[in-house]
Amino acid sequence: MRRRVVSWVFAGAVGLMAPVVAASPAVEDGRDTVAPTPVAVQRVSVPAFGLRDEAAMVLVGTALIGLAAAVRRAA
């Protein structure tokens, strides 16, 4: 019963937030548009040592699988 109540509360919160998120800001026609200012971008050298992307993805995937197993056992 608690799971169903939590589901209904979550669905209600999403339903109430949908109009707020979907609302677009009002546009005023009387304003002049300002050109965006140029921004200087600086390149930063990345050190050769560290965790590679593939290793990070494996670690995150393993953590997510462990979390899913814990949630499944708790349910």
N, C-alpha and C. Protein backbone atom coordinates (compact mmCIF):
# COMPACT_ATOMS: atom_id res chain seq x y z
N MET A 1 0.83 -1.19 0.00
CA MET A 1 0.00 0.00 0.00
C MET A 1 0.87 1.26 0.00
N ARG A 2 1.99 1.20 0.77
CA ARG A 2 2.86 2.37 0.84
C ARG A 2 3.47 2.68 -0.54
N ARG A 3 3.83 1.64 -1.29
CA ARG A 3 4.42 1.84 -2.61
C ARG A 3 3.42 2.53 -3.54
N ARG A 4 2.15 2.14 -3.45
CA ARG A 4 1.12 2.75 -4.29
C ARG A 4 0.91 4.22 -3.92
N VAL A 5 0.93 4.53 -2.63
CA VAL A 5 0.77 5.92 -2.18
C VAL A 5 1.94 6.77 -2.66
N VAL A 6 3.15 6.22 -2.54
CA VAL A 6 4.32 6.97 -2.99
C VAL A 6 4.25 7.19 -4.50
N SER A 7 3.78 6.20 -5.23
CA SER A 7 3.64 6.36 -6.68
C SER A 7 2.64 7.46 -7.01
N TRP A 8 1.51 7.49 -6.30
CA TRP A 8 0.50 8.51 -6.56
C TRP A 8 1.01 9.90 -6.18
N VAL A 9 1.75 10.00 -5.09
CA VAL A 9 2.31 11.30 -4.70
C VAL A 9 3.31 11.77 -5.73
N PHE A 10 4.18 10.88 -6.22
CA PHE A 10 5.15 11.24 -7.24
C PHE A 10 4.44 11.67 -8.53
N ALA A 11 3.44 10.92 -8.96
CA ALA A 11 2.71 11.27 -10.18
C ALA A 11 1.99 12.60 -10.02
N GLY A 12 1.44 12.85 -8.84
CA GLY A 12 0.78 14.13 -8.60
C GLY A 12 1.76 15.29 -8.63
N ALA A 13 2.93 15.10 -8.05
CA ALA A 13 3.95 16.16 -8.06
C ALA A 13 4.41 16.45 -9.48
N VAL A 14 4.60 15.41 -10.27
CA VAL A 14 4.99 15.61 -11.67
C VAL A 14 3.87 16.31 -12.42
N GLY A 15 2.65 15.93 -12.17
CA GLY A 15 1.51 16.56 -12.83
C GLY A 15 1.36 18.03 -12.46
N LEU A 16 1.64 18.37 -11.20
CA LEU A 16 1.54 19.76 -10.78
C LEU A 16 2.70 20.60 -11.31
N MET A 17 3.87 19.99 -11.49
CA MET A 17 5.03 20.74 -11.95
C MET A 17 5.06 20.90 -13.47
N ALA A 18 4.32 20.08 -14.20
CA ALA A 18 4.35 20.14 -15.67
C ALA A 18 3.95 21.51 -16.22
N PRO A 19 2.88 22.15 -15.75
CA PRO A 19 2.55 23.47 -16.30
C PRO A 19 3.60 24.53 -15.95
N VAL A 20 4.23 24.39 -14.80
CA VAL A 20 5.25 25.37 -14.41
C VAL A 20 6.47 25.25 -15.30
N VAL A 21 6.86 24.02 -15.60
CA VAL A 21 8.04 23.80 -16.43
C VAL A 21 7.74 24.16 -17.88
N ALA A 22 6.54 23.86 -18.35
CA ALA A 22 6.20 24.09 -19.75
C ALA A 22 5.89 25.54 -20.05
N ALA A 23 5.66 26.36 -19.05
CA ALA A 23 5.32 27.76 -19.28
C ALA A 23 6.51 28.50 -19.87
N SER A 24 6.25 29.26 -20.90
CA SER A 24 7.32 30.03 -21.52
C SER A 24 7.28 31.46 -20.98
N PRO A 25 8.44 32.10 -20.87
CA PRO A 25 8.46 33.46 -20.34
C PRO A 25 7.81 34.44 -21.32
N ALA A 26 7.23 35.50 -20.77
CA ALA A 26 6.58 36.50 -21.61
C ALA A 26 7.63 37.28 -22.40
N VAL A 27 7.32 37.59 -23.64
CA VAL A 27 8.24 38.31 -24.50
C VAL A 27 7.74 39.74 -24.65
N GLU A 28 8.61 40.67 -24.37
CA GLU A 28 8.25 42.08 -24.54
C GLU A 28 8.80 42.56 -25.87
N ASP A 29 7.93 43.18 -26.69
CA ASP A 29 8.34 43.61 -28.03
C ASP A 29 9.07 44.96 -28.02
N GLY A 30 8.95 45.74 -26.98
CA GLY A 30 9.51 47.08 -26.97
C GLY A 30 11.00 47.13 -26.66
N ARG A 31 11.60 46.04 -26.33
CA ARG A 31 13.01 46.05 -25.94
C ARG A 31 13.93 45.85 -27.14
N ASP A 32 15.10 46.47 -27.04
CA ASP A 32 16.14 46.24 -28.04
C ASP A 32 16.92 45.00 -27.65
N THR A 33 17.33 44.25 -28.64
CA THR A 33 18.12 43.07 -28.34
C THR A 33 19.58 43.46 -28.18
N VAL A 34 20.25 42.82 -27.25
CA VAL A 34 21.65 43.10 -26.99
C VAL A 34 22.47 41.97 -27.58
N ALA A 35 23.49 42.34 -28.35
CA ALA A 35 24.36 41.33 -28.95
C ALA A 35 25.18 40.65 -27.86
N PRO A 36 25.35 39.35 -27.97
CA PRO A 36 26.15 38.65 -26.95
C PRO A 36 27.61 39.08 -27.01
N THR A 37 28.22 39.20 -25.87
CA THR A 37 29.63 39.59 -25.80
C THR A 37 30.51 38.38 -26.08
N PRO A 38 31.60 38.60 -26.80
CA PRO A 38 32.50 37.47 -27.06
C PRO A 38 33.17 37.01 -25.76
N VAL A 39 33.38 35.71 -25.67
CA VAL A 39 33.97 35.13 -24.48
C VAL A 39 35.25 34.43 -24.86
N ALA A 40 36.29 34.67 -24.09
CA ALA A 40 37.57 34.00 -24.34
C ALA A 40 37.55 32.63 -23.67
N VAL A 41 37.90 31.59 -24.43
CA VAL A 41 37.93 30.24 -23.91
C VAL A 41 39.38 29.81 -23.81
N GLN A 42 39.75 29.28 -22.67
CA GLN A 42 41.12 28.88 -22.45
C GLN A 42 41.20 27.36 -22.40
N ARG A 43 42.12 26.78 -23.13
CA ARG A 43 42.31 25.33 -23.12
C ARG A 43 43.17 24.95 -21.95
N VAL A 44 42.75 23.90 -21.28
CA VAL A 44 43.49 23.41 -20.12
C VAL A 44 44.06 22.05 -20.47
N SER A 45 45.33 21.85 -20.19
CA SER A 45 45.93 20.55 -20.47
C SER A 45 45.50 19.54 -19.42
N VAL A 46 45.13 18.38 -19.88
CA VAL A 46 44.69 17.31 -18.99
C VAL A 46 45.88 16.42 -18.70
N PRO A 47 46.14 16.11 -17.44
CA PRO A 47 47.29 15.25 -17.14
C PRO A 47 47.11 13.85 -17.72
N ALA A 48 48.22 13.22 -18.08
CA ALA A 48 48.17 11.90 -18.70
C ALA A 48 47.75 10.83 -17.71
N PHE A 49 48.02 11.01 -16.43
CA PHE A 49 47.64 10.02 -15.44
C PHE A 49 46.23 10.34 -14.95
N GLY A 50 45.59 9.35 -14.44
CA GLY A 50 44.22 9.54 -13.96
C GLY A 50 43.35 8.37 -14.38
N LEU A 51 42.07 8.49 -14.16
CA LEU A 51 41.13 7.43 -14.46
C LEU A 51 40.63 7.59 -15.89
N ARG A 52 40.77 6.56 -16.69
CA ARG A 52 40.31 6.61 -18.07
C ARG A 52 38.78 6.53 -18.11
N ASP A 53 38.21 6.96 -19.23
CA ASP A 53 36.76 6.96 -19.37
C ASP A 53 36.18 5.55 -19.26
N GLU A 54 36.84 4.59 -19.88
CA GLU A 54 36.33 3.23 -19.87
C GLU A 54 36.32 2.67 -18.44
N ALA A 55 37.38 2.94 -17.69
CA ALA A 55 37.44 2.45 -16.31
C ALA A 55 36.37 3.12 -15.45
N ALA A 56 36.15 4.41 -15.68
CA ALA A 56 35.12 5.12 -14.93
C ALA A 56 33.74 4.55 -15.24
N MET A 57 33.48 4.24 -16.52
CA MET A 57 32.18 3.67 -16.88
C MET A 57 31.97 2.30 -16.25
N VAL A 58 33.04 1.49 -16.17
CA VAL A 58 32.94 0.17 -15.54
C VAL A 58 32.64 0.33 -14.06
N LEU A 59 33.31 1.26 -13.39
CA LEU A 59 33.07 1.47 -11.97
C LEU A 59 31.65 1.97 -11.70
N VAL A 60 31.18 2.91 -12.51
CA VAL A 60 29.82 3.43 -12.33
C VAL A 60 28.80 2.33 -12.62
N GLY A 61 29.02 1.56 -13.66
CA GLY A 61 28.11 0.46 -13.98
C GLY A 61 28.03 -0.57 -12.88
N THR A 62 29.20 -0.91 -12.31
CA THR A 62 29.24 -1.86 -11.20
C THR A 62 28.48 -1.32 -9.99
N ALA A 63 28.67 -0.04 -9.70
CA ALA A 63 27.96 0.57 -8.57
C ALA A 63 26.45 0.56 -8.81
N LEU A 64 26.02 0.85 -10.03
CA LEU A 64 24.59 0.84 -10.33
C LEU A 64 23.99 -0.56 -10.22
N ILE A 65 24.73 -1.56 -10.66
CA ILE A 65 24.25 -2.94 -10.54
C ILE A 65 24.14 -3.34 -9.07
N GLY A 66 25.12 -2.94 -8.27
CA GLY A 66 25.06 -3.22 -6.84
C GLY A 66 23.90 -2.52 -6.17
N LEU A 67 23.65 -1.28 -6.56
CA LEU A 67 22.53 -0.54 -6.01
C LEU A 67 21.20 -1.19 -6.39
N ALA A 68 21.09 -1.62 -7.64
CA ALA A 68 19.86 -2.30 -8.08
C ALA A 68 19.65 -3.59 -7.31
N ALA A 69 20.72 -4.31 -7.06
CA ALA A 69 20.58 -5.58 -6.30
C ALA A 69 20.14 -5.29 -4.87
N ALA A 70 20.67 -4.23 -4.27
CA ALA A 70 20.28 -3.89 -2.90
C ALA A 70 18.82 -3.47 -2.84
N VAL A 71 18.38 -2.69 -3.81
CA VAL A 71 16.99 -2.26 -3.85
C VAL A 71 16.07 -3.44 -4.07
N ARG A 72 16.49 -4.36 -4.93
CA ARG A 72 15.68 -5.54 -5.21
C ARG A 72 15.53 -6.42 -3.97
N ARG A 73 16.61 -6.56 -3.20
CA ARG A 73 16.53 -7.37 -1.98
C ARG A 73 15.66 -6.70 -0.93
N ALA A 74 15.69 -5.37 -0.90
CA ALA A 74 14.92 -4.65 0.11
C ALA A 74 13.42 -4.68 -0.21
N ALA A 75 13.08 -4.83 -1.49
CA ALA A 75 11.67 -4.79 -1.88
C ALA A 75 10.95 -6.07 -1.57
